[in-house]
Amino acid sequence: DKDLTKAVVGEAQKYPGEEKKVVDFYKNNPQMMENLKGIAFEDKVMNFVLNLCTKKIKKCTFDELFKSDKLSQEKDKIRKDSNLKKGKQNE
């Protein structure tokens, strides 16, 4: 499978000089190869979905962006993180 080969090569490239060991590791560990298959499939699905999407640029405020109740936790976390960073910069 071309996608699986690409995934193994991608993993091997993360470890310069150790590429052969990484490839051998995946060849000799079917369980890890299955994990990599899952990751490769996930990437393929994400690319497919992203290619179906269209991007529309719309200016909005921070509050407008996070108006949804579903995003309230994220909004609070971003504000908290932002305040922490501002506090460190002022020290």
Protein backbone atom coordinates (compact mmCIF):
# COMPACT_ATOMS: atom_id res chain seq x y z
CA ASP A 1 0.00 0.00 0.00
CA LYS A 2 1.46 3.30 -1.14
CA ASP A 3 0.06 5.29 1.79
CA LEU A 4 1.48 2.86 4.32
CA THR A 5 4.90 2.98 2.67
CA LYS A 6 4.72 6.77 2.75
CA ALA A 7 3.84 6.65 6.47
CA VAL A 8 6.77 4.33 7.25
CA VAL A 9 9.13 6.57 5.29
CA GLY A 10 7.75 9.59 7.13
CA GLU A 11 8.40 7.94 10.48
CA ALA A 12 11.89 6.87 9.40
CA GLN A 13 12.75 10.43 8.36
CA LYS A 14 12.11 11.59 11.91
CA TYR A 15 15.23 9.67 12.96
CA PRO A 16 18.13 10.67 10.70
CA GLY A 17 20.77 7.97 10.48
CA GLU A 18 18.39 5.40 11.97
CA GLU A 19 16.06 5.04 8.99
CA LYS A 20 16.81 1.36 8.37
CA LYS A 21 16.22 0.50 12.04
CA VAL A 22 12.86 2.28 11.96
CA VAL A 23 11.78 0.50 8.77
CA ASP A 24 12.89 -2.85 10.22
CA PHE A 25 11.04 -2.07 13.44
CA TYR A 26 7.77 -1.61 11.58
CA LYS A 27 8.38 -4.67 9.40
CA ASN A 28 8.99 -6.81 12.48
CA ASN A 29 6.14 -5.44 14.60
CA PRO A 30 2.75 -6.07 12.98
CA GLN A 31 0.93 -4.32 15.84
CA MET A 32 2.91 -1.13 15.30
CA MET A 33 2.37 -1.43 11.55
CA GLU A 34 -1.38 -1.62 12.20
CA ASN A 35 -1.13 1.55 14.28
CA LEU A 36 0.66 3.23 11.42
CA LYS A 37 -2.05 2.02 9.02
CA GLY A 38 -4.63 3.71 11.21
CA ILE A 39 -2.67 6.95 11.23
CA ALA A 40 -2.17 6.79 7.46
CA PHE A 41 -5.89 6.18 6.94
CA GLU A 42 -6.76 9.04 9.29
CA ASP A 43 -4.49 11.38 7.31
CA LYS A 44 -6.11 10.25 4.08
CA VAL A 45 -9.60 10.92 5.43
CA MET A 46 -8.59 14.33 6.79
CA ASN A 47 -7.07 15.32 3.44
CA PHE A 48 -10.22 14.17 1.67
CA VAL A 49 -12.45 16.22 3.98
CA LEU A 50 -10.20 19.27 3.79
CA ASN A 51 -10.26 19.13 0.00
CA LEU A 52 -14.06 19.25 0.12
CA CYS A 53 -14.07 22.35 2.29
CA THR A 54 -14.07 25.88 1.04
CA LYS A 55 -12.42 28.67 2.94
CA LYS A 56 -14.19 31.93 3.52
CA ILE A 57 -12.42 34.78 5.26
CA LYS A 58 -14.64 36.75 7.56
CA LYS A 59 -13.51 39.35 10.04
CA CYS A 60 -14.90 38.99 13.52
CA THR A 61 -14.05 39.73 17.10
CA PHE A 62 -12.75 37.16 19.54
CA ASP A 63 -16.13 37.04 21.29
CA GLU A 64 -18.01 36.59 18.01
CA LEU A 65 -15.73 33.72 17.08
CA PHE A 66 -16.42 31.88 20.32
CA LYS A 67 -20.09 32.83 20.63
CA SER A 68 -21.20 29.20 20.55
CA ASP A 69 -21.81 27.58 23.93
CA LYS A 70 -19.93 24.56 22.63
CA LEU A 71 -16.76 26.63 22.49
CA SER A 72 -17.09 28.36 25.85
CA GLN A 73 -14.49 26.12 27.50
CA GLU A 74 -11.99 26.81 24.73
CA LYS A 75 -12.69 30.53 25.00
CA ASP A 76 -12.07 30.47 28.75
CA LYS A 77 -8.85 28.49 28.31
CA ILE A 78 -7.53 30.86 25.64
CA ARG A 79 -8.33 33.88 27.79
CA LYS A 80 -6.68 32.27 30.82
CA ASP A 81 -3.56 31.33 28.82
CA SER A 82 -3.45 34.81 27.31
CA ASN A 83 -3.70 36.45 30.72
CA LEU A 84 -0.93 34.21 32.06
CA LYS A 85 1.34 35.20 29.17
CA LYS A 86 0.55 38.87 29.68
CA GLY A 87 1.36 38.52 33.38
CA LYS A 88 4.74 36.96 32.61
CA GLN A 89 5.57 39.72 30.12
CA ASN A 90 4.80 42.39 32.70
CA GLU A 91 7.14 40.86 35.29
